[in-house]
C-alpha cells in the first residue's frame, strides 16, 4: 500500500486536498485540469480510495505542481 492511515483519512487524501486548496481550485476544476474523473477526486479526498493508481496520482500531482512524493508522504 502506498499510503499510511491516520485518523481515518489517508495521507494522500489529506495532501491532495491541502495542495488543491493552496492553489485555490475546486474539486471540479482539479478534475478537469488533471483529466481525472470528478468522482475519483472526491473518493481520493474523502479517503474512500486509499490506494489510487500511480497514473492517477501522476496526473493530479502534475496539475497541482507537486511531485507524487509530496502527495504520499506525511
N, C-alpha and C. Protein backbone atom coordinates (compact mmCIF):
# COMPACT_ATOMS: atom_id res chain seq x y z
N UNK A 1 0.83 -1.19 0.00
CA UNK A 1 0.00 0.00 0.00
C UNK A 1 0.88 1.25 0.00
N UNK A 2 0.52 2.24 -0.78
CA UNK A 2 1.30 3.46 -0.91
C UNK A 2 1.13 4.38 0.29
N UNK A 3 -0.01 4.37 0.89
CA UNK A 3 -0.35 5.40 1.86
C UNK A 3 -0.45 4.87 3.28
N UNK A 4 -0.28 5.76 4.24
CA UNK A 4 -0.48 5.39 5.63
C UNK A 4 -1.78 5.98 6.12
N UNK A 5 -2.33 5.36 7.14
CA UNK A 5 -3.61 5.82 7.65
C UNK A 5 -3.42 6.55 8.97
N UNK A 6 -4.14 7.64 9.13
CA UNK A 6 -4.16 8.32 10.41
C UNK A 6 -5.49 9.01 10.57
N UNK A 7 -6.16 8.68 11.66
CA UNK A 7 -7.45 9.27 11.98
C UNK A 7 -8.48 9.09 10.87
N UNK A 8 -8.46 7.92 10.20
CA UNK A 8 -9.50 7.61 9.24
C UNK A 8 -9.29 8.14 7.83
N UNK A 9 -8.36 9.05 7.63
CA UNK A 9 -8.11 9.56 6.29
C UNK A 9 -6.67 9.25 5.91
N UNK A 10 -6.47 8.95 4.65
CA UNK A 10 -5.13 8.64 4.20
C UNK A 10 -4.30 9.92 4.04
N UNK A 11 -3.01 9.72 4.06
CA UNK A 11 -2.08 10.82 3.83
C UNK A 11 -2.33 11.42 2.45
N UNK A 12 -2.58 10.56 1.48
CA UNK A 12 -2.84 11.04 0.13
C UNK A 12 -4.06 11.95 0.10
N UNK A 13 -5.14 11.52 0.76
CA UNK A 13 -6.36 12.33 0.73
C UNK A 13 -6.12 13.69 1.35
N UNK A 14 -5.41 13.72 2.46
CA UNK A 14 -5.12 14.99 3.13
C UNK A 14 -4.25 15.89 2.25
N UNK A 15 -3.23 15.28 1.62
CA UNK A 15 -2.31 16.08 0.81
C UNK A 15 -2.94 16.60 -0.48
N UNK A 16 -3.74 15.78 -1.14
CA UNK A 16 -4.42 16.25 -2.35
C UNK A 16 -5.29 17.46 -2.00
N UNK A 17 -6.05 17.34 -0.94
CA UNK A 17 -6.92 18.44 -0.52
C UNK A 17 -6.10 19.68 -0.15
N UNK A 18 -5.01 19.47 0.59
CA UNK A 18 -4.15 20.59 1.03
C UNK A 18 -3.58 21.35 -0.18
N UNK A 19 -3.01 20.62 -1.12
CA UNK A 19 -2.39 21.27 -2.28
C UNK A 19 -3.44 21.88 -3.22
N UNK A 20 -4.59 21.23 -3.31
CA UNK A 20 -5.67 21.79 -4.14
C UNK A 20 -6.13 23.12 -3.56
N UNK A 21 -6.34 23.15 -2.26
CA UNK A 21 -6.79 24.40 -1.61
C UNK A 21 -5.72 25.47 -1.70
N UNK A 22 -4.46 25.06 -1.62
CA UNK A 22 -3.35 26.02 -1.74
C UNK A 22 -3.39 26.74 -3.09
N UNK A 23 -3.79 26.00 -4.12
CA UNK A 23 -3.93 26.60 -5.45
C UNK A 23 -5.25 27.34 -5.62
N UNK A 24 -6.17 27.13 -4.68
CA UNK A 24 -7.46 27.80 -4.74
C UNK A 24 -8.38 27.28 -5.83
N UNK A 25 -8.29 25.97 -6.09
CA UNK A 25 -9.17 25.41 -7.12
C UNK A 25 -10.13 24.40 -6.49
N UNK A 26 -11.27 24.23 -7.13
CA UNK A 26 -12.30 23.31 -6.65
C UNK A 26 -11.96 21.88 -7.08
N UNK A 27 -12.67 20.94 -6.50
CA UNK A 27 -12.53 19.54 -6.92
C UNK A 27 -12.88 19.39 -8.39
N UNK A 28 -13.92 20.08 -8.81
CA UNK A 28 -14.34 20.02 -10.21
C UNK A 28 -13.24 20.55 -11.14
N UNK A 29 -12.64 21.66 -10.76
CA UNK A 29 -11.57 22.25 -11.57
C UNK A 29 -10.36 21.31 -11.62
N UNK A 30 -10.01 20.72 -10.48
CA UNK A 30 -8.90 19.77 -10.45
C UNK A 30 -9.20 18.59 -11.36
N UNK A 31 -10.42 18.12 -11.32
CA UNK A 31 -10.83 17.02 -12.17
C UNK A 31 -10.63 17.35 -13.64
N UNK A 32 -11.10 18.52 -14.03
CA UNK A 32 -11.00 18.92 -15.44
C UNK A 32 -9.54 19.15 -15.87
N UNK A 33 -8.77 19.82 -15.02
CA UNK A 33 -7.38 20.13 -15.37
C UNK A 33 -6.50 18.88 -15.41
N UNK A 34 -6.80 17.92 -14.54
CA UNK A 34 -5.96 16.72 -14.46
C UNK A 34 -6.48 15.58 -15.33
N UNK A 35 -7.66 15.76 -15.90
CA UNK A 35 -8.29 14.71 -16.71
C UNK A 35 -8.52 13.44 -15.89
N UNK A 36 -8.92 13.66 -14.63
CA UNK A 36 -9.27 12.57 -13.72
C UNK A 36 -10.76 12.75 -13.38
N UNK A 37 -11.50 11.68 -13.40
CA UNK A 37 -12.94 11.76 -13.14
C UNK A 37 -13.23 12.46 -11.82
N UNK A 38 -14.24 13.31 -11.84
CA UNK A 38 -14.65 14.06 -10.65
C UNK A 38 -14.91 13.13 -9.47
N UNK A 39 -15.60 12.02 -9.72
CA UNK A 39 -15.89 11.06 -8.64
C UNK A 39 -14.62 10.47 -8.06
N UNK A 40 -13.60 10.31 -8.88
CA UNK A 40 -12.32 9.79 -8.41
C UNK A 40 -11.65 10.80 -7.47
N UNK A 41 -11.69 12.07 -7.84
CA UNK A 41 -11.13 13.13 -6.98
C UNK A 41 -11.85 13.12 -5.63
N UNK A 42 -13.17 13.05 -5.66
CA UNK A 42 -13.96 13.03 -4.42
C UNK A 42 -13.59 11.81 -3.57
N UNK A 43 -13.49 10.66 -4.19
CA UNK A 43 -13.16 9.44 -3.45
C UNK A 43 -11.76 9.50 -2.85
N UNK A 44 -10.81 10.07 -3.58
CA UNK A 44 -9.45 10.20 -3.06
C UNK A 44 -9.44 11.15 -1.86
N UNK A 45 -10.06 12.31 -2.02
CA UNK A 45 -10.05 13.31 -0.94
C UNK A 45 -10.84 12.85 0.28
N UNK A 46 -11.87 12.07 0.09
CA UNK A 46 -12.68 11.61 1.23
C UNK A 46 -12.05 10.42 1.93
N UNK A 47 -11.05 9.83 1.29
CA UNK A 47 -10.41 8.66 1.86
C UNK A 47 -11.05 7.35 1.45
N UNK A 48 -12.07 7.41 0.61
CA UNK A 48 -12.74 6.20 0.14
C UNK A 48 -11.83 5.37 -0.76
N UNK A 49 -10.91 6.03 -1.46
CA UNK A 49 -9.90 5.35 -2.27
C UNK A 49 -8.57 5.53 -1.57
N UNK A 50 -8.09 4.45 -0.92
CA UNK A 50 -6.86 4.53 -0.13
C UNK A 50 -5.61 4.36 -0.98
N UNK A 51 -5.74 3.69 -2.09
CA UNK A 51 -4.58 3.35 -2.89
C UNK A 51 -4.83 3.65 -4.37
N UNK A 52 -4.88 4.94 -4.75
CA UNK A 52 -5.14 5.27 -6.15
C UNK A 52 -4.01 4.80 -7.07
N UNK A 53 -4.34 4.63 -8.32
CA UNK A 53 -3.35 4.20 -9.31
C UNK A 53 -2.25 5.25 -9.43
N UNK A 54 -1.05 4.80 -9.73
CA UNK A 54 0.10 5.69 -9.89
C UNK A 54 -0.17 6.69 -11.01
N UNK A 55 -0.79 6.24 -12.08
CA UNK A 55 -1.09 7.13 -13.21
C UNK A 55 -2.02 8.26 -12.77
N UNK A 56 -2.99 7.93 -11.93
CA UNK A 56 -3.92 8.94 -11.41
C UNK A 56 -3.18 9.94 -10.54
N UNK A 57 -2.33 9.43 -9.65
CA UNK A 57 -1.54 10.32 -8.79
C UNK A 57 -0.64 11.24 -9.60
N UNK A 58 -0.06 10.69 -10.67
CA UNK A 58 0.82 11.49 -11.54
C UNK A 58 0.04 12.63 -12.17
N UNK A 59 -1.15 12.35 -12.67
CA UNK A 59 -1.97 13.39 -13.30
C UNK A 59 -2.35 14.47 -12.28
N UNK A 60 -2.72 14.05 -11.09
CA UNK A 60 -3.10 15.01 -10.05
C UNK A 60 -1.88 15.82 -9.61
N UNK A 61 -0.77 15.14 -9.36
CA UNK A 61 0.46 15.82 -8.92
C UNK A 61 0.91 16.85 -9.95
N UNK A 62 0.90 16.48 -11.22
CA UNK A 62 1.30 17.42 -12.27
C UNK A 62 0.40 18.65 -12.28
N UNK A 63 -0.88 18.45 -12.12
CA UNK A 63 -1.84 19.57 -12.10
C UNK A 63 -1.61 20.46 -10.89
N UNK A 64 -1.27 19.86 -9.75
CA UNK A 64 -1.06 20.62 -8.52
C UNK A 64 0.37 21.18 -8.42
N UNK A 65 1.19 20.89 -9.43
CA UNK A 65 2.59 21.36 -9.49
C UNK A 65 3.41 20.85 -8.30
N UNK A 66 3.19 19.58 -7.96
CA UNK A 66 3.97 18.92 -6.92
C UNK A 66 4.38 17.54 -7.44
N UNK A 67 5.26 16.89 -6.70
CA UNK A 67 5.67 15.53 -7.08
C UNK A 67 4.72 14.52 -6.44
N UNK A 68 4.76 13.30 -6.95
CA UNK A 68 3.96 12.24 -6.33
C UNK A 68 4.42 12.07 -4.88
N UNK A 69 5.72 12.20 -4.63
CA UNK A 69 6.22 12.10 -3.26
C UNK A 69 5.53 13.07 -2.33
N UNK A 70 5.26 14.28 -2.81
CA UNK A 70 4.57 15.27 -1.97
C UNK A 70 3.17 14.79 -1.60
N UNK A 71 2.55 14.02 -2.46
CA UNK A 71 1.21 13.53 -2.19
C UNK A 71 1.17 12.34 -1.26
N UNK A 72 2.24 11.52 -1.27
CA UNK A 72 2.19 10.29 -0.49
C UNK A 72 2.90 10.37 0.86
N UNK A 73 3.73 11.37 1.07
CA UNK A 73 4.43 11.41 2.35
C UNK A 73 3.71 12.28 3.37
N UNK A 74 3.91 11.91 4.64
CA UNK A 74 3.26 12.65 5.72
C UNK A 74 3.97 13.95 5.98
